[in-house]
Amino acid sequence: MSNKKQIEECIRDGLEGYFSDLDGVEPAAMYDMILKVVEKPLLDVVMKHADQNQSRAAEWLGINRNTLRRKLVEHKLIK
């Protein structure tokens, strides 16, 4: 199984667990919640592998360095 498929499977399993935990209650604002939940570990791991180099991490992520910096601050990964 490819890494991409493994990540996709983990997300599917997590979402199924989320719906199971809701126990029939309808979810709200899932899109923003999921993006925030996924974004923080994504940024954290990429920064680690980029040796905390924001320019390199931004390039790997395909985003602007200023955008990366803003997101790192939002998620309290940097001050």
N, C-alpha and C. Protein backbone atom coordinates (compact mmCIF):
# COMPACT_ATOMS: atom_id res chain seq x y z
N MET A 1 0.85 -1.18 0.00
CA MET A 1 0.00 0.00 0.00
C MET A 1 0.89 1.24 0.00
N SER A 2 0.56 2.21 -0.83
CA SER A 2 1.36 3.44 -0.92
C SER A 2 1.15 4.30 0.32
N ASN A 3 2.11 5.18 0.58
CA ASN A 3 1.99 6.10 1.71
C ASN A 3 0.75 6.97 1.60
N LYS A 4 0.46 7.41 0.37
CA LYS A 4 -0.73 8.25 0.15
C LYS A 4 -1.99 7.50 0.55
N LYS A 5 -2.07 6.23 0.18
CA LYS A 5 -3.24 5.41 0.53
C LYS A 5 -3.31 5.19 2.03
N GLN A 6 -2.15 5.01 2.69
CA GLN A 6 -2.14 4.81 4.14
C GLN A 6 -2.67 6.05 4.86
N ILE A 7 -2.24 7.22 4.41
CA ILE A 7 -2.71 8.47 5.02
C ILE A 7 -4.22 8.61 4.80
N GLU A 8 -4.65 8.33 3.58
CA GLU A 8 -6.08 8.42 3.27
C GLU A 8 -6.89 7.47 4.14
N GLU A 9 -6.37 6.26 4.33
CA GLU A 9 -7.06 5.27 5.16
C GLU A 9 -7.14 5.74 6.62
N CYS A 10 -6.07 6.32 7.14
CA CYS A 10 -6.08 6.85 8.51
C CYS A 10 -7.14 7.94 8.67
N ILE A 11 -7.24 8.81 7.68
CA ILE A 11 -8.24 9.89 7.73
C ILE A 11 -9.64 9.31 7.68
N ARG A 12 -9.86 8.33 6.80
CA ARG A 12 -11.18 7.68 6.72
C ARG A 12 -11.55 7.04 8.06
N ASP A 13 -10.60 6.30 8.64
CA ASP A 13 -10.85 5.64 9.93
C ASP A 13 -11.18 6.67 11.01
N GLY A 14 -10.43 7.77 11.03
CA GLY A 14 -10.68 8.82 12.01
C GLY A 14 -12.06 9.45 11.85
N LEU A 15 -12.44 9.70 10.61
CA LEU A 15 -13.76 10.28 10.34
C LEU A 15 -14.88 9.32 10.71
N GLU A 16 -14.70 8.04 10.42
CA GLU A 16 -15.71 7.05 10.80
C GLU A 16 -15.84 7.01 12.32
N GLY A 17 -14.71 7.07 13.04
CA GLY A 17 -14.75 7.12 14.50
C GLY A 17 -15.45 8.36 15.00
N TYR A 18 -15.20 9.49 14.34
CA TYR A 18 -15.84 10.75 14.71
C TYR A 18 -17.36 10.62 14.60
N PHE A 19 -17.84 10.09 13.47
CA PHE A 19 -19.28 9.94 13.28
C PHE A 19 -19.86 8.94 14.28
N SER A 20 -19.12 7.90 14.57
CA SER A 20 -19.57 6.92 15.56
C SER A 20 -19.71 7.57 16.94
N ASP A 21 -18.75 8.40 17.30
CA ASP A 21 -18.77 9.08 18.60
C ASP A 21 -19.91 10.10 18.70
N LEU A 22 -20.37 10.62 17.57
CA LEU A 22 -21.47 11.58 17.58
C LEU A 22 -22.77 10.93 18.05
N ASP A 23 -22.86 9.61 17.87
CA ASP A 23 -24.01 8.85 18.33
C ASP A 23 -25.33 9.46 17.85
N GLY A 24 -25.39 9.77 16.55
CA GLY A 24 -26.63 10.28 15.96
C GLY A 24 -26.78 11.80 15.96
N VAL A 25 -25.94 12.49 16.72
CA VAL A 25 -25.99 13.96 16.74
C VAL A 25 -25.38 14.45 15.42
N GLU A 26 -26.01 15.43 14.80
CA GLU A 26 -25.48 15.94 13.54
C GLU A 26 -24.24 16.79 13.77
N PRO A 27 -23.23 16.60 12.93
CA PRO A 27 -22.00 17.40 13.07
C PRO A 27 -22.20 18.82 12.57
N ALA A 28 -21.29 19.70 12.96
CA ALA A 28 -21.34 21.09 12.50
C ALA A 28 -19.92 21.58 12.24
N ALA A 29 -19.76 22.40 11.24
CA ALA A 29 -18.48 23.04 10.90
C ALA A 29 -17.34 22.04 10.80
N MET A 30 -17.63 20.90 10.19
CA MET A 30 -16.62 19.85 10.07
C MET A 30 -15.42 20.25 9.21
N TYR A 31 -15.68 20.96 8.14
CA TYR A 31 -14.61 21.29 7.20
C TYR A 31 -13.48 22.04 7.91
N ASP A 32 -13.81 23.11 8.59
CA ASP A 32 -12.80 23.89 9.30
C ASP A 32 -12.13 23.08 10.40
N MET A 33 -12.91 22.29 11.12
CA MET A 33 -12.37 21.47 12.19
C MET A 33 -11.33 20.47 11.64
N ILE A 34 -11.69 19.80 10.57
CA ILE A 34 -10.79 18.80 9.99
C ILE A 34 -9.52 19.46 9.47
N LEU A 35 -9.65 20.59 8.79
CA LEU A 35 -8.46 21.27 8.28
C LEU A 35 -7.52 21.65 9.41
N LYS A 36 -8.06 22.15 10.50
CA LYS A 36 -7.21 22.54 11.64
C LYS A 36 -6.55 21.33 12.29
N VAL A 37 -7.31 20.24 12.40
CA VAL A 37 -6.78 19.03 13.03
C VAL A 37 -5.66 18.42 12.19
N VAL A 38 -5.79 18.48 10.89
CA VAL A 38 -4.79 17.92 9.99
C VAL A 38 -3.61 18.87 9.80
N GLU A 39 -3.89 20.16 9.76
CA GLU A 39 -2.86 21.15 9.45
C GLU A 39 -1.76 21.21 10.50
N LYS A 40 -2.12 21.16 11.77
CA LYS A 40 -1.10 21.31 12.82
C LYS A 40 -0.05 20.19 12.77
N PRO A 41 -0.44 18.91 12.76
CA PRO A 41 0.59 17.88 12.68
C PRO A 41 1.35 17.91 11.35
N LEU A 42 0.68 18.29 10.27
CA LEU A 42 1.34 18.41 8.98
C LEU A 42 2.48 19.43 9.07
N LEU A 43 2.17 20.60 9.60
CA LEU A 43 3.18 21.65 9.73
C LEU A 43 4.30 21.23 10.67
N ASP A 44 3.93 20.62 11.77
CA ASP A 44 4.90 20.20 12.77
C ASP A 44 5.90 19.19 12.19
N VAL A 45 5.39 18.18 11.51
CA VAL A 45 6.26 17.14 10.94
C VAL A 45 7.11 17.69 9.80
N VAL A 46 6.51 18.49 8.94
CA VAL A 46 7.28 19.06 7.82
C VAL A 46 8.39 19.96 8.35
N MET A 47 8.09 20.79 9.34
CA MET A 47 9.13 21.65 9.92
C MET A 47 10.25 20.83 10.53
N LYS A 48 9.91 19.75 11.19
CA LYS A 48 10.93 18.87 11.77
C LYS A 48 11.85 18.32 10.69
N HIS A 49 11.26 17.82 9.61
CA HIS A 49 12.05 17.22 8.54
C HIS A 49 12.80 18.26 7.71
N ALA A 50 12.34 19.50 7.76
CA ALA A 50 13.03 20.60 7.07
C ALA A 50 14.03 21.28 8.01
N ASP A 51 14.30 20.65 9.15
CA ASP A 51 15.23 21.21 10.15
C ASP A 51 14.85 22.63 10.55
N GLN A 52 13.55 22.86 10.70
CA GLN A 52 12.98 24.15 11.12
C GLN A 52 13.23 25.28 10.10
N ASN A 53 13.63 24.93 8.90
CA ASN A 53 13.87 25.91 7.84
C ASN A 53 12.53 26.24 7.17
N GLN A 54 12.02 27.43 7.45
CA GLN A 54 10.70 27.80 6.95
C GLN A 54 10.65 27.92 5.43
N SER A 55 11.71 28.40 4.83
CA SER A 55 11.72 28.52 3.36
C SER A 55 11.64 27.15 2.72
N ARG A 56 12.41 26.20 3.22
CA ARG A 56 12.39 24.84 2.67
C ARG A 56 11.02 24.19 2.92
N ALA A 57 10.50 24.34 4.13
CA ALA A 57 9.20 23.75 4.46
C ALA A 57 8.09 24.33 3.58
N ALA A 58 8.12 25.64 3.39
CA ALA A 58 7.11 26.29 2.54
C ALA A 58 7.19 25.76 1.11
N GLU A 59 8.40 25.57 0.62
CA GLU A 59 8.58 25.03 -0.73
C GLU A 59 8.02 23.61 -0.81
N TRP A 60 8.33 22.78 0.17
CA TRP A 60 7.81 21.41 0.18
C TRP A 60 6.29 21.38 0.22
N LEU A 61 5.71 22.31 0.98
CA LEU A 61 4.26 22.35 1.12
C LEU A 61 3.56 23.02 -0.07
N GLY A 62 4.34 23.75 -0.85
CA GLY A 62 3.77 24.45 -2.00
C GLY A 62 2.99 25.69 -1.59
N ILE A 63 3.45 26.33 -0.49
CA ILE A 63 2.81 27.55 -0.03
C ILE A 63 3.86 28.64 0.15
N ASN A 64 3.40 29.87 0.25
CA ASN A 64 4.27 31.02 0.46
C ASN A 64 4.86 30.96 1.87
N ARG A 65 6.11 31.39 2.03
CA ARG A 65 6.76 31.37 3.33
C ARG A 65 6.00 32.20 4.37
N ASN A 66 5.46 33.34 3.95
CA ASN A 66 4.68 34.17 4.88
C ASN A 66 3.41 33.45 5.34
N THR A 67 2.80 32.72 4.44
CA THR A 67 1.62 31.93 4.80
C THR A 67 2.00 30.85 5.80
N LEU A 68 3.11 30.18 5.55
CA LEU A 68 3.59 29.16 6.48
C LEU A 68 3.83 29.77 7.85
N ARG A 69 4.51 30.88 7.90
CA ARG A 69 4.82 31.52 9.17
C ARG A 69 3.53 31.88 9.93
N ARG A 70 2.55 32.42 9.22
CA ARG A 70 1.27 32.77 9.84
C ARG A 70 0.59 31.53 10.42
N LYS A 71 0.62 30.44 9.67
CA LYS A 71 0.00 29.20 10.13
C LYS A 71 0.75 28.61 11.32
N LEU A 72 2.07 28.72 11.32
CA LEU A 72 2.86 28.23 12.46
C LEU A 72 2.52 29.00 13.73
N VAL A 73 2.33 30.31 13.59
CA VAL A 73 1.95 31.13 14.74
C VAL A 73 0.52 30.76 15.18
N GLU A 74 -0.41 30.63 14.24
CA GLU A 74 -1.80 30.28 14.56
C GLU A 74 -1.87 28.98 15.37
N HIS A 75 -1.05 28.01 15.00
CA HIS A 75 -1.06 26.71 15.66
C HIS A 75 -0.11 26.65 16.86
N LYS A 76 0.48 27.82 17.18
CA LYS A 76 1.40 27.92 18.32
C LYS A 76 2.59 26.99 18.20
N LEU A 77 3.07 26.82 16.96
CA LEU A 77 4.27 26.02 16.71
C LEU A 77 5.51 26.89 16.76
N ILE A 78 5.31 28.20 16.65
CA ILE A 78 6.38 29.19 16.86
C ILE A 78 5.74 30.39 17.52
N LYS A 79 6.59 31.27 18.06
CA LYS A 79 6.07 32.49 18.70
C LYS A 79 6.10 33.65 17.74
